[in-house]
Amino acid sequence: MDLKITDQVTPKDTEEIFQNLLEYNLARIEDRNPRKLGVFREDASGRKLAGLIGETHGRWLSVQYLWVDEALRRSGVGSAFLRRAEEEARARGCRYAFVDTFDFQAPEFYRGHGYREVFTLEEYPVTGKRHYYTKEL
């Protein structure tokens, strides 16, 4: 077998592999309709001051990004965003939530909101940790 190994992965390479994987998955997955979910706070000029971006898919909410401007941290904004995303996910029929976070980001925040750690990648990417959490909504 002749294998090509490279660190020069092109957009065409990525798209070809993705499309083949997508075709395989769509033939087997129960829910083919993931929906984006965004919660934002902006200033008067439209600049984002905080935001949550995720997706609902079947019975799951996946929180992909949650960011709060430094000036607004520890004011309850992040908690409000997470609660609002969970409410919307429940309205969409979700029963569970998933999020991952680095040890220097927000593990305590998610634990404080009822998320349970399901596993941790140690030494990620070198000396840190990446935590994975779920929650029943």
N, C-alpha and C. Protein backbone atom coordinates (compact mmCIF):
# COMPACT_ATOMS: atom_id res chain seq x y z
N MET A 1 0.85 -1.17 0.00
CA MET A 1 0.00 0.00 0.00
C MET A 1 0.89 1.24 0.00
N ASP A 2 0.63 2.15 -0.90
CA ASP A 2 1.42 3.37 -1.02
C ASP A 2 0.69 4.50 -0.29
N LEU A 3 1.26 4.98 0.82
CA LEU A 3 0.65 6.04 1.61
C LEU A 3 1.37 7.35 1.39
N LYS A 4 0.61 8.43 1.35
CA LYS A 4 1.18 9.77 1.24
C LYS A 4 1.02 10.45 2.60
N ILE A 5 2.09 10.88 3.19
CA ILE A 5 2.05 11.58 4.47
C ILE A 5 2.55 12.99 4.23
N THR A 6 1.78 13.99 4.69
CA THR A 6 2.14 15.38 4.43
C THR A 6 1.62 16.29 5.53
N ASP A 7 2.25 17.44 5.68
CA ASP A 7 1.70 18.49 6.54
C ASP A 7 1.13 19.62 5.68
N GLN A 8 1.01 19.36 4.38
CA GLN A 8 0.45 20.31 3.42
C GLN A 8 -0.94 19.84 2.98
N VAL A 9 -1.89 19.86 3.90
CA VAL A 9 -3.26 19.44 3.62
C VAL A 9 -3.98 20.62 2.99
N THR A 10 -4.48 20.43 1.78
CA THR A 10 -5.14 21.51 1.04
C THR A 10 -6.63 21.56 1.38
N PRO A 11 -7.27 22.69 1.09
CA PRO A 11 -8.73 22.74 1.24
C PRO A 11 -9.42 21.67 0.40
N LYS A 12 -8.89 21.35 -0.77
CA LYS A 12 -9.47 20.30 -1.62
C LYS A 12 -9.36 18.94 -0.92
N ASP A 13 -8.23 18.65 -0.29
CA ASP A 13 -8.06 17.40 0.46
C ASP A 13 -9.12 17.29 1.55
N THR A 14 -9.25 18.36 2.32
CA THR A 14 -10.20 18.38 3.42
C THR A 14 -11.63 18.19 2.92
N GLU A 15 -11.99 18.90 1.87
CA GLU A 15 -13.35 18.81 1.34
C GLU A 15 -13.64 17.40 0.81
N GLU A 16 -12.68 16.79 0.15
CA GLU A 16 -12.89 15.44 -0.40
C GLU A 16 -13.13 14.42 0.72
N ILE A 17 -12.30 14.47 1.75
CA ILE A 17 -12.46 13.54 2.87
C ILE A 17 -13.77 13.82 3.60
N PHE A 18 -14.07 15.11 3.84
CA PHE A 18 -15.30 15.48 4.52
C PHE A 18 -16.53 15.00 3.75
N GLN A 19 -16.59 15.21 2.47
CA GLN A 19 -17.75 14.81 1.67
C GLN A 19 -17.95 13.29 1.69
N ASN A 20 -16.87 12.55 1.63
CA ASN A 20 -16.98 11.09 1.69
C ASN A 20 -17.48 10.63 3.06
N LEU A 21 -16.97 11.24 4.11
CA LEU A 21 -17.43 10.91 5.46
C LEU A 21 -18.89 11.32 5.64
N LEU A 22 -19.26 12.49 5.13
CA LEU A 22 -20.63 12.96 5.23
C LEU A 22 -21.60 12.00 4.53
N GLU A 23 -21.24 11.56 3.35
CA GLU A 23 -22.09 10.62 2.61
C GLU A 23 -22.30 9.34 3.42
N TYR A 24 -21.23 8.82 4.00
CA TYR A 24 -21.33 7.62 4.83
C TYR A 24 -22.24 7.88 6.04
N ASN A 25 -22.00 9.00 6.74
CA ASN A 25 -22.76 9.30 7.95
C ASN A 25 -24.24 9.52 7.66
N LEU A 26 -24.56 10.26 6.61
CA LEU A 26 -25.96 10.58 6.32
C LEU A 26 -26.78 9.34 6.00
N ALA A 27 -26.13 8.31 5.52
CA ALA A 27 -26.84 7.06 5.23
C ALA A 27 -27.18 6.30 6.51
N ARG A 28 -26.59 6.70 7.65
CA ARG A 28 -26.75 5.92 8.87
C ARG A 28 -27.28 6.69 10.08
N ILE A 29 -27.12 7.99 10.11
CA ILE A 29 -27.47 8.77 11.30
C ILE A 29 -28.97 9.02 11.37
N GLU A 30 -29.53 9.01 12.60
CA GLU A 30 -30.98 9.15 12.76
C GLU A 30 -31.48 10.56 12.49
N ASP A 31 -30.73 11.57 12.89
CA ASP A 31 -31.16 12.96 12.73
C ASP A 31 -30.17 13.66 11.81
N ARG A 32 -30.66 14.11 10.69
CA ARG A 32 -29.79 14.74 9.69
C ARG A 32 -29.93 16.26 9.69
N ASN A 33 -30.49 16.81 10.74
CA ASN A 33 -30.79 18.23 10.73
C ASN A 33 -30.23 18.99 11.93
N PRO A 34 -28.91 19.08 12.06
CA PRO A 34 -28.38 19.90 13.13
C PRO A 34 -28.77 21.36 12.90
N ARG A 35 -28.98 22.09 13.99
CA ARG A 35 -29.34 23.51 13.90
C ARG A 35 -28.35 24.33 14.70
N LYS A 36 -27.85 25.39 14.08
CA LYS A 36 -26.96 26.31 14.78
C LYS A 36 -27.72 27.02 15.90
N LEU A 37 -26.98 27.44 16.91
CA LEU A 37 -27.56 28.19 18.03
C LEU A 37 -26.57 29.27 18.43
N GLY A 38 -27.02 30.51 18.40
CA GLY A 38 -26.17 31.63 18.80
C GLY A 38 -26.88 32.50 19.81
N VAL A 39 -26.14 32.95 20.81
CA VAL A 39 -26.63 33.91 21.81
C VAL A 39 -25.55 34.98 21.88
N PHE A 40 -25.91 36.24 21.64
CA PHE A 40 -24.92 37.30 21.57
C PHE A 40 -25.32 38.52 22.38
N ARG A 41 -24.33 39.26 22.83
CA ARG A 41 -24.52 40.59 23.41
C ARG A 41 -23.58 41.50 22.66
N GLU A 42 -24.14 42.61 22.15
CA GLU A 42 -23.36 43.55 21.35
C GLU A 42 -23.46 44.94 21.95
N ASP A 43 -22.45 45.77 21.65
CA ASP A 43 -22.55 47.17 22.05
C ASP A 43 -23.32 47.93 20.98
N ALA A 44 -23.45 49.24 21.13
CA ALA A 44 -24.26 50.05 20.22
C ALA A 44 -23.74 50.02 18.78
N SER A 45 -22.44 49.75 18.61
CA SER A 45 -21.88 49.71 17.25
C SER A 45 -21.94 48.31 16.64
N GLY A 46 -22.45 47.34 17.39
CA GLY A 46 -22.56 45.98 16.87
C GLY A 46 -21.38 45.09 17.19
N ARG A 47 -20.40 45.61 17.95
CA ARG A 47 -19.24 44.80 18.35
C ARG A 47 -19.67 43.80 19.41
N LYS A 48 -19.27 42.56 19.25
CA LYS A 48 -19.62 41.50 20.20
C LYS A 48 -18.91 41.73 21.53
N LEU A 49 -19.69 41.70 22.60
CA LEU A 49 -19.15 41.80 23.96
C LEU A 49 -19.15 40.43 24.64
N ALA A 50 -19.98 39.55 24.14
CA ALA A 50 -20.06 38.18 24.66
C ALA A 50 -20.84 37.35 23.66
N GLY A 51 -20.58 36.06 23.68
CA GLY A 51 -21.33 35.21 22.77
C GLY A 51 -21.17 33.73 23.08
N LEU A 52 -22.19 33.00 22.69
CA LEU A 52 -22.19 31.56 22.77
C LEU A 52 -22.60 31.05 21.39
N ILE A 53 -21.82 30.14 20.87
CA ILE A 53 -22.15 29.49 19.60
C ILE A 53 -22.17 28.00 19.85
N GLY A 54 -23.23 27.39 19.39
CA GLY A 54 -23.37 25.95 19.56
C GLY A 54 -24.23 25.38 18.46
N GLU A 55 -24.71 24.18 18.75
CA GLU A 55 -25.53 23.48 17.78
C GLU A 55 -26.42 22.50 18.53
N THR A 56 -27.64 22.35 18.06
CA THR A 56 -28.48 21.29 18.58
C THR A 56 -28.60 20.24 17.49
N HIS A 57 -28.52 18.99 17.92
CA HIS A 57 -28.58 17.88 16.97
C HIS A 57 -29.23 16.71 17.69
N GLY A 58 -30.42 16.36 17.22
CA GLY A 58 -31.16 15.31 17.90
C GLY A 58 -31.47 15.72 19.32
N ARG A 59 -31.05 14.94 20.27
CA ARG A 59 -31.32 15.21 21.69
C ARG A 59 -30.19 15.96 22.39
N TRP A 60 -29.22 16.46 21.62
CA TRP A 60 -28.03 17.05 22.22
C TRP A 60 -27.81 18.50 21.84
N LEU A 61 -27.42 19.29 22.85
CA LEU A 61 -26.86 20.62 22.66
C LEU A 61 -25.35 20.48 22.75
N SER A 62 -24.65 21.01 21.78
CA SER A 62 -23.20 21.04 21.83
C SER A 62 -22.77 22.51 21.90
N VAL A 63 -22.15 22.89 23.01
CA VAL A 63 -21.63 24.25 23.16
C VAL A 63 -20.22 24.25 22.56
N GLN A 64 -20.06 25.00 21.47
CA GLN A 64 -18.77 25.03 20.79
C GLN A 64 -17.88 26.16 21.30
N TYR A 65 -18.47 27.33 21.50
CA TYR A 65 -17.72 28.50 21.97
C TYR A 65 -18.57 29.29 22.95
N LEU A 66 -17.97 29.69 24.06
CA LEU A 66 -18.59 30.63 24.99
C LEU A 66 -17.51 31.60 25.40
N TRP A 67 -17.72 32.87 25.06
CA TRP A 67 -16.72 33.89 25.34
C TRP A 67 -17.40 35.12 25.91
N VAL A 68 -16.78 35.72 26.93
CA VAL A 68 -17.27 36.95 27.55
C VAL A 68 -16.08 37.91 27.63
N ASP A 69 -16.30 39.15 27.17
CA ASP A 69 -15.27 40.17 27.24
C ASP A 69 -14.78 40.32 28.68
N GLU A 70 -13.49 40.56 28.81
CA GLU A 70 -12.86 40.66 30.13
C GLU A 70 -13.62 41.60 31.08
N ALA A 71 -14.11 42.73 30.57
CA ALA A 71 -14.80 43.72 31.41
C ALA A 71 -16.12 43.20 31.96
N LEU A 72 -16.70 42.19 31.33
CA LEU A 72 -18.00 41.66 31.76
C LEU A 72 -17.90 40.35 32.55
N ARG A 73 -16.70 39.80 32.65
CA ARG A 73 -16.56 38.53 33.35
C ARG A 73 -16.90 38.67 34.83
N ARG A 74 -17.40 37.60 35.39
CA ARG A 74 -17.80 37.50 36.79
C ARG A 74 -19.00 38.41 37.11
N SER A 75 -19.76 38.76 36.07
CA SER A 75 -20.96 39.58 36.27
C SER A 75 -22.24 38.78 36.05
N GLY A 76 -22.09 37.48 35.73
CA GLY A 76 -23.26 36.64 35.48
C GLY A 76 -23.63 36.51 34.02
N VAL A 77 -22.91 37.21 33.14
CA VAL A 77 -23.22 37.17 31.72
C VAL A 77 -23.05 35.77 31.15
N GLY A 78 -21.93 35.11 31.43
CA GLY A 78 -21.69 33.76 30.93
C GLY A 78 -22.75 32.79 31.42
N SER A 79 -23.12 32.90 32.67
CA SER A 79 -24.16 32.03 33.24
C SER A 79 -25.49 32.26 32.54
N ALA A 80 -25.82 33.53 32.29
CA ALA A 80 -27.07 33.85 31.61
C ALA A 80 -27.08 33.27 30.19
N PHE A 81 -25.97 33.38 29.50
CA PHE A 81 -25.88 32.84 28.15
C PHE A 81 -26.05 31.32 28.14
N LEU A 82 -25.38 30.66 29.08
CA LEU A 82 -25.47 29.20 29.14
C LEU A 82 -26.90 28.77 29.46
N ARG A 83 -27.53 29.43 30.43
CA ARG A 83 -28.92 29.11 30.77
C ARG A 83 -29.84 29.32 29.57
N ARG A 84 -29.66 30.43 28.85
CA ARG A 84 -30.52 30.73 27.70
C ARG A 84 -30.32 29.69 26.60
N ALA A 85 -29.08 29.28 26.36
CA ALA A 85 -28.81 28.24 25.34
C ALA A 85 -29.45 26.92 25.75
N GLU A 86 -29.36 26.57 27.03
CA GLU A 86 -29.98 25.33 27.52
C GLU A 86 -31.51 25.39 27.39
N GLU A 87 -32.10 26.55 27.68
CA GLU A 87 -33.55 26.70 27.53
C GLU A 87 -33.96 26.50 26.07
N GLU A 88 -33.24 27.13 25.16
CA GLU A 88 -33.55 26.99 23.74
C GLU A 88 -33.36 25.55 23.29
N ALA A 89 -32.32 24.90 23.79
CA ALA A 89 -32.08 23.50 23.43
C ALA A 89 -33.24 22.62 23.90
N ARG A 90 -33.71 22.85 25.12
CA ARG A 90 -34.87 22.09 25.61
C ARG A 90 -36.09 22.34 24.72
N ALA A 91 -36.30 23.58 24.31
CA ALA A 91 -37.43 23.91 23.43
C ALA A 91 -37.30 23.20 22.08
N ARG A 92 -36.07 22.90 21.68
CA ARG A 92 -35.82 22.19 20.43
C ARG A 92 -35.86 20.67 20.62
N GLY A 93 -36.13 20.21 21.83
CA GLY A 93 -36.24 18.78 22.09
C GLY A 93 -34.99 18.12 22.64
N CYS A 94 -33.99 18.90 23.01
CA CYS A 94 -32.75 18.32 23.54
C CYS A 94 -32.94 17.88 24.99
N ARG A 95 -32.25 16.82 25.34
CA ARG A 95 -32.28 16.30 26.70
C ARG A 95 -30.91 16.34 27.37
N TYR A 96 -29.88 16.60 26.58
CA TYR A 96 -28.51 16.57 27.10
C TYR A 96 -27.69 17.72 26.51
N ALA A 97 -26.59 18.05 27.19
CA ALA A 97 -25.66 19.07 26.70
C ALA A 97 -24.24 18.53 26.80
N PHE A 98 -23.39 19.03 25.92
CA PHE A 98 -21.99 18.63 25.86
C PHE A 98 -21.13 19.87 25.68
N VAL A 99 -19.99 19.91 26.36
CA VAL A 99 -19.03 21.00 26.19
C VAL A 99 -17.64 20.48 26.53
N ASP A 100 -16.63 21.07 25.91
CA ASP A 100 -15.25 20.78 26.33
C ASP A 100 -14.55 22.10 26.60
N THR A 101 -13.57 22.06 27.51
CA THR A 101 -12.87 23.26 27.93
C THR A 101 -11.47 22.89 28.40
N PHE A 102 -10.54 23.81 28.21
CA PHE A 102 -9.17 23.59 28.70
C PHE A 102 -9.10 23.91 30.19
N ASP A 103 -8.08 23.38 30.85
CA ASP A 103 -7.93 23.61 32.29
C ASP A 103 -7.74 25.08 32.62
N PHE A 104 -7.24 25.91 31.71
CA PHE A 104 -7.05 27.33 31.97
C PHE A 104 -8.28 28.16 31.59
N GLN A 105 -9.31 27.50 31.07
CA GLN A 105 -10.51 28.23 30.68
C GLN A 105 -11.57 28.17 31.78
N ALA A 106 -12.48 27.20 31.72
CA ALA A 106 -13.64 27.29 32.60
C ALA A 106 -14.15 25.98 33.18
N PRO A 107 -13.29 25.06 33.61
CA PRO A 107 -13.82 23.82 34.19
C PRO A 107 -14.74 24.06 35.39
N GLU A 108 -14.34 24.96 36.28
CA GLU A 108 -15.14 25.25 37.48
C GLU A 108 -16.48 25.86 37.10
N PHE A 109 -16.50 26.71 36.09
CA PHE A 109 -17.72 27.33 35.62
C PHE A 109 -18.74 26.26 35.21
N TYR A 110 -18.31 25.33 34.39
CA TYR A 110 -19.25 24.29 33.92
C TYR A 110 -19.67 23.35 35.04
N ARG A 111 -18.73 22.97 35.91
CA ARG A 111 -19.11 22.13 37.05
C ARG A 111 -20.14 22.85 37.92
N GLY A 112 -19.95 24.16 38.09
CA GLY A 112 -20.88 24.95 38.88
C GLY A 112 -22.27 25.06 38.27
N HIS A 113 -22.37 24.73 36.99
CA HIS A 113 -23.67 24.76 36.31
C HIS A 113 -24.22 23.35 36.08
N GLY A 114 -23.70 22.40 36.84
CA GLY A 114 -24.25 21.05 36.82
C GLY A 114 -23.67 20.12 35.77
N TYR A 115 -22.61 20.53 35.11
CA TYR A 115 -21.97 19.66 34.12
C TYR A 115 -21.08 18.66 34.84
N ARG A 116 -21.10 17.43 34.36
CA ARG A 116 -20.33 16.34 34.95
C ARG A 116 -19.22 15.95 34.00
N GLU A 117 -18.01 15.88 34.53
CA GLU A 117 -16.87 15.51 33.69
C GLU A 117 -16.97 14.04 33.28
N VAL A 118 -16.83 13.77 31.98
CA VAL A 118 -16.89 12.40 31.50
C VAL A 118 -15.51 11.87 31.12
N PHE A 119 -14.61 12.75 30.74
CA PHE A 119 -13.22 12.34 30.58
C PHE A 119 -12.33 13.56 30.39
N THR A 120 -11.03 13.35 30.54
CA THR A 120 -10.04 14.41 30.41
C THR A 120 -8.89 13.91 29.55
N LEU A 121 -8.46 14.74 28.63
CA LEU A 121 -7.23 14.44 27.89
C LEU A 121 -6.09 15.05 28.69
N GLU A 122 -5.22 14.22 29.21
CA GLU A 122 -4.06 14.68 29.96
C GLU A 122 -2.96 15.08 28.99
N GLU A 123 -2.07 15.98 29.44
CA GLU A 123 -0.93 16.42 28.63
C GLU A 123 -1.37 16.92 27.26
N TYR A 124 -2.45 17.74 27.25
CA TYR A 124 -2.99 18.25 26.00
C TYR A 124 -2.86 19.75 25.94
N PRO A 125 -2.27 20.36 24.94
CA PRO A 125 -1.57 19.66 23.88
C PRO A 125 -0.18 19.17 24.28
N VAL A 126 0.37 19.78 25.37
CA VAL A 126 1.68 19.31 25.86
C VAL A 126 1.62 19.06 27.37
N THR A 127 1.32 20.08 28.13
CA THR A 127 1.29 19.93 29.59
C THR A 127 -0.08 20.23 30.20
N GLY A 128 -1.02 20.69 29.39
CA GLY A 128 -2.34 21.07 29.90
C GLY A 128 -3.30 19.91 29.94
N LYS A 129 -4.57 20.26 30.16
CA LYS A 129 -5.64 19.27 30.19
C LYS A 129 -6.83 19.83 29.41
N ARG A 130 -7.55 18.94 28.75
CA ARG A 130 -8.78 19.30 28.06
C ARG A 130 -9.89 18.45 28.65
N HIS A 131 -10.88 19.11 29.24
CA HIS A 131 -11.96 18.46 29.97
C HIS A 131 -13.21 18.37 29.11
N TYR A 132 -13.93 17.26 29.21
CA TYR A 132 -15.17 17.03 28.46
C TYR A 132 -16.29 16.80 29.46
N TYR A 133 -17.38 17.55 29.29
CA TYR A 133 -18.48 17.53 30.24
C TYR A 133 -19.81 17.27 29.54
N THR A 134 -20.73 16.65 30.26
CA THR A 134 -22.11 16.49 29.80
C THR A 134 -23.04 16.91 30.94
N LYS A 135 -24.28 17.16 30.55
CA LYS A 135 -25.30 17.54 31.53
C LYS A 135 -26.64 17.07 31.01
N GLU A 136 -27.46 16.58 31.92
CA GLU A 136 -28.84 16.26 31.57
C GLU A 136 -29.64 17.54 31.71
N LEU A 137 -30.37 17.90 30.67
CA LEU A 137 -31.10 19.18 30.68
C LEU A 137 -32.46 19.07 31.35
